[in-house]
Amino acid sequence: RRSHADTSLLKGLRILLVDDSAEGLAGFRALLELEGAQVRPERNGPDALAAAKEGKFDLILSDIGMPGMSGYEL
């Protein structure tokens, strides 16, 4: 059982968040940041690939059904 003194499992985690929906991106980003994650948001697959090349991430969370480049292709 976790106590109130425990820190979030996401604290300090570097997350690349990819979603073509501005509302979805903003909502998920806010939730992840509330849990202490460092979030880099991107709106499409090509921009996410560029971000992945220039930074180090612990986790990539991606929408699957994006136009142009799907989450599977990413």
PDB file of N, CA and C in Angstrom:
ATOM      1  N   ARG A   1       0.839  -1.184   0.000  1.00  0.00           N
ATOM      2  CA  ARG A   1       0.000   0.000   0.000  1.00  0.00           C
ATOM      3  C   ARG A   1       0.878   1.239   0.000  1.00  0.00           C
ATOM      4  N   ARG A   2       0.595   2.171  -0.893  1.00  0.00           N
ATOM      5  CA  ARG A   2       1.400   3.390  -1.017  1.00  0.00           C
ATOM      6  C   ARG A   2       0.952   4.431   0.001  1.00  0.00           C
ATOM      7  N   SER A   3       1.917   5.118   0.540  1.00  0.00           N
ATOM      8  CA  SER A   3       1.592   6.208   1.460  1.00  0.00           C
ATOM      9  C   SER A   3       1.600   7.525   0.705  1.00  0.00           C
ATOM     10  N   HIS A   4       1.116   8.571   1.341  1.00  0.00           N
ATOM     11  CA  HIS A   4       1.087   9.893   0.708  1.00  0.00           C
ATOM     12  C   HIS A   4       2.485  10.429   0.459  1.00  0.00           C
ATOM     13  N   ALA A   5       3.488   9.921   1.163  1.00  0.00           N
ATOM     14  CA  ALA A   5       4.858  10.386   1.003  1.00  0.00           C
ATOM     15  C   ALA A   5       5.525   9.795  -0.240  1.00  0.00           C
ATOM     16  N   ASP A   6       4.949   8.725  -0.793  1.00  0.00           N
ATOM     17  CA  ASP A   6       5.533   8.103  -1.984  1.00  0.00           C
ATOM     18  C   ASP A   6       5.466   9.062  -3.168  1.00  0.00           C
ATOM     19  N   THR A   7       6.497   9.032  -3.991  1.00  0.00           N
ATOM     20  CA  THR A   7       6.485   9.854  -5.192  1.00  0.00           C
ATOM     21  C   THR A   7       5.852   9.082  -6.338  1.00  0.00           C
ATOM     22  N   SER A   8       5.434   9.785  -7.345  1.00  0.00           N
ATOM     23  CA  SER A   8       4.811   9.173  -8.511  1.00  0.00           C
ATOM     24  C   SER A   8       5.799   8.298  -9.259  1.00  0.00           C
ATOM     25  N   LEU A   9       5.303   7.236  -9.857  1.00  0.00           N
ATOM     26  CA  LEU A   9       6.138   6.371 -10.690  1.00  0.00           C
ATOM     27  C   LEU A   9       6.614   7.102 -11.945  1.00  0.00           C
ATOM     28  N   LEU A  10       5.926   8.162 -12.315  1.00  0.00           N
ATOM     29  CA  LEU A  10       6.277   8.901 -13.527  1.00  0.00           C
ATOM     30  C   LEU A  10       7.240  10.059 -13.272  1.00  0.00           C
ATOM     31  N   LYS A  11       7.530  10.343 -12.019  1.00  0.00           N
ATOM     32  CA  LYS A  11       8.360  11.498 -11.686  1.00  0.00           C
ATOM     33  C   LYS A  11       9.724  11.404 -12.375  1.00  0.00           C
ATOM     34  N   GLY A  12      10.035  12.428 -13.151  1.00  0.00           N
ATOM     35  CA  GLY A  12      11.310  12.491 -13.849  1.00  0.00           C
ATOM     36  C   GLY A  12      11.376  11.702 -15.140  1.00  0.00           C
ATOM     37  N   LEU A  13      10.349  10.935 -15.459  1.00  0.00           N
ATOM     38  CA  LEU A  13      10.332  10.154 -16.690  1.00  0.00           C
ATOM     39  C   LEU A  13      10.226  11.099 -17.885  1.00  0.00           C
ATOM     40  N   ARG A  14      11.055  10.878 -18.894  1.00  0.00           N
ATOM     41  CA  ARG A  14      11.026  11.697 -20.114  1.00  0.00           C
ATOM     42  C   ARG A  14      10.142  10.995 -21.132  1.00  0.00           C
ATOM     43  N   ILE A  15       9.039  11.648 -21.484  1.00  0.00           N
ATOM     44  CA  ILE A  15       8.042  11.027 -22.358  1.00  0.00           C
ATOM     45  C   ILE A  15       7.867  11.843 -23.631  1.00  0.00           C
ATOM     46  N   LEU A  16       7.934  11.168 -24.753  1.00  0.00           N
ATOM     47  CA  LEU A  16       7.593  11.752 -26.045  1.00  0.00           C
ATOM     48  C   LEU A  16       6.138  11.392 -26.300  1.00  0.00           C
ATOM     49  N   LEU A  17       5.286  12.396 -26.357  1.00  0.00           N
ATOM     50  CA  LEU A  17       3.844  12.206 -26.506  1.00  0.00           C
ATOM     51  C   LEU A  17       3.429  12.659 -27.895  1.00  0.00           C
ATOM     52  N   VAL A  18       2.784  11.778 -28.657  1.00  0.00           N
ATOM     53  CA  VAL A  18       2.442  12.070 -30.049  1.00  0.00           C
ATOM     54  C   VAL A  18       0.950  11.875 -30.274  1.00  0.00           C
ATOM     55  N   ASP A  19       0.289  12.935 -30.738  1.00  0.00           N
ATOM     56  CA  ASP A  19      -1.148  12.867 -31.028  1.00  0.00           C
ATOM     57  C   ASP A  19      -1.488  13.994 -31.993  1.00  0.00           C
ATOM     58  N   ASP A  20      -2.237  13.677 -33.047  1.00  0.00           N
ATOM     59  CA  ASP A  20      -2.611  14.709 -34.010  1.00  0.00           C
ATOM     60  C   ASP A  20      -3.750  15.585 -33.499  1.00  0.00           C
ATOM     61  N   SER A  21      -4.405  15.191 -32.434  1.00  0.00           N
ATOM     62  CA  SER A  21      -5.486  15.973 -31.840  1.00  0.00           C
ATOM     63  C   SER A  21      -4.910  16.919 -30.785  1.00  0.00           C
ATOM     64  N   ALA A  22      -5.101  18.221 -30.991  1.00  0.00           N
ATOM     65  CA  ALA A  22      -4.589  19.210 -30.042  1.00  0.00           C
ATOM     66  C   ALA A  22      -5.206  19.020 -28.659  1.00  0.00           C
ATOM     67  N   GLU A  23      -6.491  18.699 -28.619  1.00  0.00           N
ATOM     68  CA  GLU A  23      -7.174  18.503 -27.338  1.00  0.00           C
ATOM     69  C   GLU A  23      -6.644  17.266 -26.612  1.00  0.00           C
ATOM     70  N   GLY A  24      -6.468  16.193 -27.347  1.00  0.00           N
ATOM     71  CA  GLY A  24      -5.933  14.969 -26.756  1.00  0.00           C
ATOM     72  C   GLY A  24      -4.517  15.161 -26.246  1.00  0.00           C
ATOM     73  N   LEU A  25      -3.711  15.839 -27.040  1.00  0.00           N
ATOM     74  CA  LEU A  25      -2.325  16.109 -26.674  1.00  0.00           C
ATOM     75  C   LEU A  25      -2.256  16.946 -25.399  1.00  0.00           C
ATOM     76  N   ALA A  26      -3.071  17.989 -25.339  1.00  0.00           N
ATOM     77  CA  ALA A  26      -3.068  18.873 -24.167  1.00  0.00           C
ATOM     78  C   ALA A  26      -3.544  18.135 -22.914  1.00  0.00           C
ATOM     79  N   GLY A  27      -4.584  17.325 -23.049  1.00  0.00           N
ATOM     80  CA  GLY A  27      -5.120  16.602 -21.909  1.00  0.00           C
ATOM     81  C   GLY A  27      -4.151  15.573 -21.352  1.00  0.00           C
ATOM     82  N   PHE A  28      -3.586  14.749 -22.245  1.00  0.00           N
ATOM     83  CA  PHE A  28      -2.633  13.738 -21.791  1.00  0.00           C
ATOM     84  C   PHE A  28      -1.370  14.385 -21.227  1.00  0.00           C
ATOM     85  N   ARG A  29      -0.933  15.462 -21.863  1.00  0.00           N
ATOM     86  CA  ARG A  29       0.261  16.164 -21.365  1.00  0.00           C
ATOM     87  C   ARG A  29       0.031  16.666 -19.938  1.00  0.00           C
ATOM     88  N   ALA A  30      -1.122  17.279 -19.709  1.00  0.00           N
ATOM     89  CA  ALA A  30      -1.424  17.809 -18.378  1.00  0.00           C
ATOM     90  C   ALA A  30      -1.437  16.694 -17.335  1.00  0.00           C
ATOM     91  N   LEU A  31      -2.057  15.580 -17.652  1.00  0.00           N
ATOM     92  CA  LEU A  31      -2.108  14.459 -16.709  1.00  0.00           C
ATOM     93  C   LEU A  31      -0.717  13.908 -16.407  1.00  0.00           C
ATOM     94  N   LEU A  32       0.079  13.725 -17.446  1.00  0.00           N
ATOM     95  CA  LEU A  32       1.421  13.182 -17.250  1.00  0.00           C
ATOM     96  C   LEU A  32       2.301  14.141 -16.446  1.00  0.00           C
ATOM     97  N   GLU A  33       2.188  15.435 -16.731  1.00  0.00           N
ATOM     98  CA  GLU A  33       2.981  16.416 -16.002  1.00  0.00           C
ATOM     99  C   GLU A  33       2.540  16.531 -14.543  1.00  0.00           C
ATOM    100  N   LEU A  34       1.260  16.354 -14.286  1.00  0.00           N
ATOM    101  CA  LEU A  34       0.782  16.343 -12.895  1.00  0.00           C
ATOM    102  C   LEU A  34       1.425  15.207 -12.098  1.00  0.00           C
ATOM    103  N   GLU A  35       1.770  14.135 -12.781  1.00  0.00           N
ATOM    104  CA  GLU A  35       2.422  12.995 -12.139  1.00  0.00           C
ATOM    105  C   GLU A  35       3.937  13.119 -12.133  1.00  0.00           C
ATOM    106  N   GLY A  36       4.455  14.250 -12.594  1.00  0.00           N
ATOM    107  CA  GLY A  36       5.889  14.504 -12.512  1.00  0.00           C
ATOM    108  C   GLY A  36       6.702  14.170 -13.741  1.00  0.00           C
ATOM    109  N   ALA A  37       6.056  13.763 -14.828  1.00  0.00           N
ATOM    110  CA  ALA A  37       6.783  13.429 -16.054  1.00  0.00           C
ATOM    111  C   ALA A  37       7.218  14.699 -16.781  1.00  0.00           C
ATOM    112  N   GLN A  38       8.315  14.572 -17.521  1.00  0.00           N
ATOM    113  CA  GLN A  38       8.767  15.624 -18.426  1.00  0.00           C
ATOM    114  C   GLN A  38       8.263  15.236 -19.809  1.00  0.00           C
ATOM    115  N   VAL A  39       7.366  16.041 -20.369  1.00  0.00           N
ATOM    116  CA  VAL A  39       6.672  15.659 -21.600  1.00  0.00           C
ATOM    117  C   VAL A  39       7.086  16.548 -22.766  1.00  0.00           C
ATOM    118  N   ARG A  40       7.425  15.907 -23.872  1.00  0.00           N
ATOM    119  CA  ARG A  40       7.669  16.619 -25.132  1.00  0.00           C
ATOM    120  C   ARG A  40       6.517  16.263 -26.059  1.00  0.00           C
ATOM    121  N   PRO A  41       5.611  17.208 -26.338  1.00  0.00           N
ATOM    122  CA  PRO A  41       4.475  16.910 -27.218  1.00  0.00           C
ATOM    123  C   PRO A  41       4.824  17.128 -28.694  1.00  0.00           C
ATOM    124  N   GLU A  42       4.324  16.261 -29.535  1.00  0.00           N
ATOM    125  CA  GLU A  42       4.472  16.411 -30.990  1.00  0.00           C
ATOM    126  C   GLU A  42       3.146  16.050 -31.646  1.00  0.00           C
ATOM    127  N   ARG A  43       2.830  16.733 -32.768  1.00  0.00           N
ATOM    128  CA  ARG A  43       1.523  16.579 -33.415  1.00  0.00           C
ATOM    129  C   ARG A  43       1.499  15.568 -34.553  1.00  0.00           C
ATOM    130  N   ASN A  44       2.665  15.029 -34.967  1.00  0.00           N
ATOM    131  CA  ASN A  44       2.664  14.070 -36.071  1.00  0.00           C
ATOM    132  C   ASN A  44       3.910  13.185 -36.006  1.00  0.00           C
ATOM    133  N   GLY A  45       3.879  12.122 -36.788  1.00  0.00           N
ATOM    134  CA  GLY A  45       4.966  11.153 -36.799  1.00  0.00           C
ATOM    135  C   GLY A  45       6.321  11.710 -37.207  1.00  0.00           C
ATOM    136  N   PRO A  46       6.407  12.454 -38.332  1.00  0.00           N
ATOM    137  CA  PRO A  46       7.708  12.981 -38.731  1.00  0.00           C
ATOM    138  C   PRO A  46       8.341  13.907 -37.678  1.00  0.00           C
ATOM    139  N   ASP A  47       7.537  14.751 -37.052  1.00  0.00           N
ATOM    140  CA  ASP A  47       8.078  15.625 -36.002  1.00  0.00           C
ATOM    141  C   ASP A  47       8.512  14.806 -34.786  1.00  0.00           C
ATOM    142  N   ALA A  48       7.779  13.742 -34.487  1.00  0.00           N
ATOM    143  CA  ALA A  48       8.146  12.872 -33.376  1.00  0.00           C
ATOM    144  C   ALA A  48       9.462  12.154 -33.657  1.00  0.00           C
ATOM    145  N   LEU A  49       9.654  11.709 -34.890  1.00  0.00           N
ATOM    146  CA  LEU A  49      10.922  11.064 -35.263  1.00  0.00           C
ATOM    147  C   LEU A  49      12.087  12.027 -35.107  1.00  0.00           C
ATOM    148  N   ALA A  50      11.897  13.266 -35.543  1.00  0.00           N
ATOM    149  CA  ALA A  50      12.950  14.277 -35.399  1.00  0.00           C
ATOM    150  C   ALA A  50      13.261  14.521 -33.928  1.00  0.00           C
ATOM    151  N   ALA A  51      12.232  14.597 -33.098  1.00  0.00           N
ATOM    152  CA  ALA A  51      12.423  14.806 -31.658  1.00  0.00           C
ATOM    153  C   ALA A  51      13.166  13.628 -31.041  1.00  0.00           C
ATOM    154  N   ALA A  52      12.834  12.414 -31.473  1.00  0.00           N
ATOM    155  CA  ALA A  52      13.484  11.214 -30.938  1.00  0.00           C
ATOM    156  C   ALA A  52      14.962  11.173 -31.297  1.00  0.00           C
ATOM    157  N   LYS A  53      15.316  11.720 -32.449  1.00  0.00           N
ATOM    158  CA  LYS A  53      16.719  11.747 -32.866  1.00  0.00           C
ATOM    159  C   LYS A  53      17.525  12.761 -32.059  1.00  0.00           C
ATOM    160  N   GLU A  54      16.895  13.837 -31.628  1.00  0.00           N
ATOM    161  CA  GLU A  54      17.630  14.893 -30.925  1.00  0.00           C
ATOM    162  C   GLU A  54      17.567  14.798 -29.407  1.00  0.00           C
ATOM    163  N   GLY A  55      16.693  13.967 -28.881  1.00  0.00           N
ATOM    164  CA  GLY A  55      16.566  13.856 -27.430  1.00  0.00           C
ATOM    165  C   GLY A  55      16.522  12.415 -26.969  1.00  0.00           C
ATOM    166  N   LYS A  56      16.636  12.244 -25.665  1.00  0.00           N
ATOM    167  CA  LYS A  56      16.540  10.911 -25.075  1.00  0.00           C
ATOM    168  C   LYS A  56      15.231  10.819 -24.317  1.00  0.00           C
ATOM    169  N   PHE A  57      14.485   9.759 -24.576  1.00  0.00           N
ATOM    170  CA  PHE A  57      13.192   9.554 -23.944  1.00  0.00           C
ATOM    171  C   PHE A  57      13.148   8.176 -23.304  1.00  0.00           C
ATOM    172  N   ASP A  58      12.445   8.100 -22.188  1.00  0.00           N
ATOM    173  CA  ASP A  58      12.250   6.831 -21.508  1.00  0.00           C
ATOM    174  C   ASP A  58      11.057   6.076 -22.075  1.00  0.00           C
ATOM    175  N   LEU A  59      10.129   6.835 -22.668  1.00  0.00           N
ATOM    176  CA  LEU A  59       8.874   6.249 -23.125  1.00  0.00           C
ATOM    177  C   LEU A  59       8.300   7.091 -24.263  1.00  0.00           C
ATOM    178  N   ILE A  60       7.725   6.426 -25.251  1.00  0.00           N
ATOM    179  CA  ILE A  60       6.991   7.098 -26.315  1.00  0.00           C
ATOM    180  C   ILE A  60       5.549   6.639 -26.235  1.00  0.00           C
ATOM    181  N   LEU A  61       4.632   7.589 -26.098  1.00  0.00           N
ATOM    182  CA  LEU A  61       3.194   7.314 -26.124  1.00  0.00           C
ATOM    183  C   LEU A  61       2.649   7.943 -27.392  1.00  0.00           C
ATOM    184  N   SER A  62       2.062   7.138 -28.248  1.00  0.00           N
ATOM    185  CA  SER A  62       1.615   7.645 -29.540  1.00  0.00           C
ATOM    186  C   SER A  62       0.194   7.219 -29.867  1.00  0.00           C
ATOM    187  N   ASP A  63      -0.534   8.149 -30.469  1.00  0.00           N
ATOM    188  CA  ASP A  63      -1.815   7.855 -31.090  1.00  0.00           C
ATOM    189  C   ASP A  63      -1.529   6.873 -32.224  1.00  0.00           C
ATOM    190  N   ILE A  64      -2.420   5.945 -32.454  1.00  0.00           N
ATOM    191  CA  ILE A  64      -2.226   4.969 -33.521  1.00  0.00           C
ATOM    192  C   ILE A  64      -2.743   5.507 -34.855  1.00  0.00           C
ATOM    193  N   GLY A  65      -3.939   6.093 -34.849  1.00  0.00           N
ATOM    194  CA  GLY A  65      -4.587   6.507 -36.090  1.00  0.00           C
ATOM    195  C   GLY A  65      -4.339   7.957 -36.469  1.00  0.00           C
ATOM    196  N   MET A  66      -3.112   8.266 -36.882  1.00  0.00           N
ATOM    197  CA  MET A  66      -2.792   9.630 -37.320  1.00  0.00           C
ATOM    198  C   MET A  66      -2.666   9.653 -38.836  1.00  0.00           C
ATOM    199  N   PRO A  67      -3.023  10.761 -39.467  1.00  0.00           N
ATOM    200  CA  PRO A  67      -2.855  10.852 -40.925  1.00  0.00           C
ATOM    201  C   PRO A  67      -1.392  10.994 -41.305  1.00  0.00           C
ATOM    202  N   GLY A  68      -1.060  10.522 -42.492  1.00  0.00           N
ATOM    203  CA  GLY A  68       0.312  10.655 -42.980  1.00  0.00           C
ATOM    204  C   GLY A  68       1.215   9.531 -42.503  1.00  0.00           C
ATOM    205  N   MET A  69       1.434   9.453 -41.210  1.00  0.00           N
ATOM    206  CA  MET A  69       2.253   8.408 -40.606  1.00  0.00           C
ATOM    207  C   MET A  69       1.537   7.928 -39.355  1.00  0.00           C
ATOM    208  N   SER A  70       1.111   6.697 -39.356  1.00  0.00           N
ATOM    209  CA  SER A  70       0.377   6.157 -38.212  1.00  0.00           C
ATOM    210  C   SER A  70       1.327   5.901 -37.040  1.00  0.00           C
ATOM    211  N   GLY A  71       0.751   5.670 -35.891  1.00  0.00           N
ATOM    212  CA  GLY A  71       1.544   5.314 -34.733  1.00  0.00           C
ATOM    213  C   GLY A  71       2.309   4.015 -34.944  1.00  0.00           C
ATOM    214  N   TYR A  72       1.743   3.103 -35.717  1.00  0.00           N
ATOM    215  CA  TYR A  72       2.442   1.849 -36.036  1.00  0.00           C
ATOM    216  C   TYR A  72       3.689   2.130 -36.865  1.00  0.00           C
ATOM    217  N   GLU A  73       3.565   3.007 -37.855  1.00  0.00           N
ATOM    218  CA  GLU A  73       4.707   3.344 -38.700  1.00  0.00           C
ATOM    219  C   GLU A  73       5.778   4.088 -37.907  1.00  0.00           C
ATOM    220  N   LEU A  74       5.323   4.923 -36.980  1.00  0.00           N
ATOM    221  CA  LEU A  74       6.265   5.657 -36.142  1.00  0.00           C
ATOM    222  C   LEU A  74       7.113   4.694 -35.349  1.00  0.00           C
TER     223      LEU A  74
END
